[in-house]
Amino acid sequence: MNPATDRMLTRIKDVYLYIHGNGIVTTENVVQEFSITARTAQRDLNVLEYNDLITSPVRGQWTTTARKVKLPS
């Protein structure tokens, strides 16, 4: 994989872990925590939602699903 893809995958994993650790977060929380644009945050959140790892109970808020995920130790 090229370096840009590696960075993206690492960021998406970190976003998932951030949501998992904080319960419900907003898109704006993700933007501020990772110093990324709102569009990049939305793109990352869409990838996680597509893979059924997060869900949006209320527009603009995100939480993890009950899907089993192997978390790093």
N, C-alpha and C. Protein backbone atom coordinates (compact mmCIF):
# COMPACT_ATOMS: atom_id res chain seq x y z
N MET A 1 0.84 -1.19 0.00
CA MET A 1 0.00 0.00 0.00
C MET A 1 0.88 1.24 0.00
N ASN A 2 0.33 2.28 -0.57
CA ASN A 2 1.11 3.51 -0.57
C ASN A 2 0.96 4.24 0.76
N PRO A 3 1.85 5.18 1.06
CA PRO A 3 1.83 5.87 2.36
C PRO A 3 0.52 6.59 2.65
N ALA A 4 -0.12 7.16 1.64
CA ALA A 4 -1.39 7.87 1.86
C ALA A 4 -2.48 6.90 2.33
N THR A 5 -2.51 5.72 1.75
CA THR A 5 -3.49 4.71 2.14
C THR A 5 -3.22 4.24 3.56
N ASP A 6 -1.96 4.04 3.90
CA ASP A 6 -1.60 3.64 5.26
C ASP A 6 -2.04 4.69 6.28
N ARG A 7 -1.80 5.96 5.96
CA ARG A 7 -2.21 7.05 6.86
C ARG A 7 -3.72 7.07 7.04
N MET A 8 -4.46 6.89 5.93
CA MET A 8 -5.91 6.91 5.98
C MET A 8 -6.42 5.76 6.85
N LEU A 9 -5.91 4.55 6.64
CA LEU A 9 -6.37 3.40 7.41
C LEU A 9 -6.04 3.56 8.89
N THR A 10 -4.87 4.08 9.19
CA THR A 10 -4.49 4.33 10.58
C THR A 10 -5.42 5.36 11.21
N ARG A 11 -5.74 6.42 10.48
CA ARG A 11 -6.64 7.46 11.00
C ARG A 11 -8.04 6.90 11.23
N ILE A 12 -8.54 6.11 10.30
CA ILE A 12 -9.88 5.53 10.45
C ILE A 12 -9.92 4.60 11.67
N LYS A 13 -8.87 3.82 11.86
CA LYS A 13 -8.80 2.96 13.04
C LYS A 13 -8.78 3.82 14.31
N ASP A 14 -8.02 4.89 14.31
CA ASP A 14 -7.95 5.78 15.47
C ASP A 14 -9.30 6.46 15.73
N VAL A 15 -10.01 6.82 14.67
CA VAL A 15 -11.34 7.42 14.83
C VAL A 15 -12.28 6.41 15.49
N TYR A 16 -12.22 5.16 15.04
CA TYR A 16 -13.06 4.12 15.64
C TYR A 16 -12.74 3.98 17.13
N LEU A 17 -11.46 3.89 17.47
CA LEU A 17 -11.06 3.74 18.86
C LEU A 17 -11.48 4.95 19.70
N TYR A 18 -11.42 6.14 19.11
CA TYR A 18 -11.85 7.36 19.80
C TYR A 18 -13.36 7.29 20.11
N ILE A 19 -14.15 6.88 19.13
CA ILE A 19 -15.60 6.76 19.34
C ILE A 19 -15.88 5.66 20.37
N HIS A 20 -15.20 4.54 20.23
CA HIS A 20 -15.39 3.42 21.15
C HIS A 20 -15.07 3.84 22.60
N GLY A 21 -14.05 4.63 22.76
CA GLY A 21 -13.62 5.06 24.09
C GLY A 21 -14.46 6.16 24.70
N ASN A 22 -15.16 6.92 23.86
CA ASN A 22 -15.90 8.08 24.35
C ASN A 22 -17.41 7.92 24.30
N GLY A 23 -17.91 6.82 23.79
CA GLY A 23 -19.36 6.63 23.71
C GLY A 23 -19.91 7.37 22.50
N ILE A 24 -20.70 8.38 22.74
CA ILE A 24 -21.28 9.16 21.64
C ILE A 24 -20.43 10.40 21.40
N VAL A 25 -20.02 10.59 20.16
CA VAL A 25 -19.26 11.78 19.78
C VAL A 25 -19.92 12.42 18.57
N THR A 26 -19.63 13.69 18.36
CA THR A 26 -20.16 14.39 17.19
C THR A 26 -19.10 14.42 16.09
N THR A 27 -19.55 14.71 14.91
CA THR A 27 -18.62 14.87 13.80
C THR A 27 -17.62 15.97 14.12
N GLU A 28 -18.08 17.02 14.75
CA GLU A 28 -17.20 18.14 15.13
C GLU A 28 -16.14 17.69 16.13
N ASN A 29 -16.50 16.80 17.06
CA ASN A 29 -15.50 16.25 18.00
C ASN A 29 -14.38 15.56 17.23
N VAL A 30 -14.74 14.79 16.21
CA VAL A 30 -13.75 14.07 15.40
C VAL A 30 -12.87 15.07 14.65
N VAL A 31 -13.48 16.09 14.09
CA VAL A 31 -12.72 17.12 13.36
C VAL A 31 -11.67 17.75 14.27
N GLN A 32 -12.09 18.12 15.47
CA GLN A 32 -11.17 18.78 16.40
C GLN A 32 -10.11 17.84 16.96
N GLU A 33 -10.51 16.63 17.30
CA GLU A 33 -9.58 15.66 17.90
C GLU A 33 -8.46 15.28 16.94
N PHE A 34 -8.79 15.14 15.66
CA PHE A 34 -7.80 14.66 14.68
C PHE A 34 -7.26 15.76 13.77
N SER A 35 -7.69 17.00 14.00
CA SER A 35 -7.23 18.14 13.20
C SER A 35 -7.38 17.86 11.70
N ILE A 36 -8.58 17.44 11.32
CA ILE A 36 -8.89 17.16 9.93
C ILE A 36 -10.08 18.02 9.50
N THR A 37 -10.32 18.09 8.21
CA THR A 37 -11.45 18.86 7.72
C THR A 37 -12.75 18.11 7.99
N ALA A 38 -13.85 18.81 7.97
CA ALA A 38 -15.15 18.20 8.17
C ALA A 38 -15.42 17.16 7.08
N ARG A 39 -14.99 17.43 5.87
CA ARG A 39 -15.20 16.49 4.76
C ARG A 39 -14.42 15.20 4.97
N THR A 40 -13.17 15.32 5.41
CA THR A 40 -12.36 14.14 5.69
C THR A 40 -12.97 13.33 6.83
N ALA A 41 -13.42 14.01 7.87
CA ALA A 41 -14.07 13.32 9.00
C ALA A 41 -15.30 12.57 8.51
N GLN A 42 -16.10 13.22 7.69
CA GLN A 42 -17.32 12.57 7.20
C GLN A 42 -16.98 11.36 6.33
N ARG A 43 -15.96 11.48 5.52
CA ARG A 43 -15.53 10.36 4.68
C ARG A 43 -15.09 9.17 5.55
N ASP A 44 -14.30 9.45 6.59
CA ASP A 44 -13.85 8.39 7.49
C ASP A 44 -15.03 7.76 8.23
N LEU A 45 -15.95 8.59 8.70
CA LEU A 45 -17.13 8.09 9.41
C LEU A 45 -18.00 7.24 8.48
N ASN A 46 -18.09 7.64 7.22
CA ASN A 46 -18.87 6.86 6.25
C ASN A 46 -18.26 5.48 6.03
N VAL A 47 -16.94 5.39 6.01
CA VAL A 47 -16.26 4.09 5.86
C VAL A 47 -16.61 3.20 7.05
N LEU A 48 -16.54 3.76 8.25
CA LEU A 48 -16.86 2.99 9.45
C LEU A 48 -18.33 2.57 9.48
N GLU A 49 -19.21 3.48 9.06
CA GLU A 49 -20.64 3.16 9.04
C GLU A 49 -20.93 2.09 7.99
N TYR A 50 -20.32 2.19 6.83
CA TYR A 50 -20.52 1.21 5.76
C TYR A 50 -20.13 -0.19 6.23
N ASN A 51 -19.09 -0.27 7.06
CA ASN A 51 -18.61 -1.55 7.58
C ASN A 51 -19.32 -1.96 8.88
N ASP A 52 -20.40 -1.26 9.21
CA ASP A 52 -21.24 -1.57 10.36
C ASP A 52 -20.47 -1.54 11.68
N LEU A 53 -19.50 -0.62 11.78
CA LEU A 53 -18.73 -0.47 13.00
C LEU A 53 -19.26 0.67 13.87
N ILE A 54 -19.90 1.66 13.23
CA ILE A 54 -20.50 2.76 13.97
C ILE A 54 -21.90 3.02 13.41
N THR A 55 -22.69 3.73 14.19
CA THR A 55 -24.02 4.12 13.75
C THR A 55 -24.29 5.53 14.22
N SER A 56 -25.24 6.17 13.58
CA SER A 56 -25.60 7.54 13.93
C SER A 56 -27.03 7.55 14.47
N PRO A 57 -27.18 7.51 15.82
CA PRO A 57 -28.53 7.51 16.39
C PRO A 57 -29.24 8.85 16.17
N VAL A 58 -28.47 9.92 16.09
CA VAL A 58 -28.99 11.27 15.84
C VAL A 58 -28.06 11.90 14.83
N ARG A 59 -28.61 12.65 13.91
CA ARG A 59 -27.79 13.28 12.87
C ARG A 59 -26.60 14.02 13.49
N GLY A 60 -25.41 13.68 13.01
CA GLY A 60 -24.19 14.35 13.47
C GLY A 60 -23.59 13.75 14.72
N GLN A 61 -24.21 12.71 15.28
CA GLN A 61 -23.66 12.03 16.44
C GLN A 61 -23.38 10.58 16.08
N TRP A 62 -22.33 10.03 16.65
CA TRP A 62 -21.88 8.68 16.28
C TRP A 62 -21.59 7.86 17.52
N THR A 63 -21.87 6.57 17.44
CA THR A 63 -21.53 5.62 18.48
C THR A 63 -21.19 4.29 17.83
N THR A 64 -20.47 3.44 18.55
CA THR A 64 -20.09 2.15 17.98
C THR A 64 -21.28 1.20 18.02
N THR A 65 -21.24 0.21 17.13
CA THR A 65 -22.29 -0.81 17.10
C THR A 65 -21.87 -1.98 17.99
N ALA A 66 -22.72 -2.98 18.05
CA ALA A 66 -22.42 -4.17 18.86
C ALA A 66 -21.54 -5.17 18.10
N ARG A 67 -21.17 -4.83 16.88
CA ARG A 67 -20.34 -5.74 16.08
C ARG A 67 -19.01 -6.00 16.79
N LYS A 68 -18.61 -7.25 16.83
CA LYS A 68 -17.36 -7.64 17.49
C LYS A 68 -16.16 -7.14 16.69
N VAL A 69 -15.22 -6.52 17.41
CA VAL A 69 -14.00 -6.00 16.79
C VAL A 69 -12.84 -6.39 17.68
N LYS A 70 -11.77 -6.90 17.07
CA LYS A 70 -10.56 -7.19 17.85
C LYS A 70 -9.84 -5.88 18.10
N LEU A 71 -9.77 -5.47 19.37
CA LEU A 71 -9.10 -4.23 19.73
C LEU A 71 -7.65 -4.53 20.08
N PRO A 72 -6.75 -3.60 19.76
CA PRO A 72 -5.34 -3.81 20.11
C PRO A 72 -5.16 -3.83 21.62
N SER A 73 -4.20 -4.57 22.08
CA SER A 73 -3.94 -4.68 23.53
C SER A 73 -3.27 -3.44 24.07
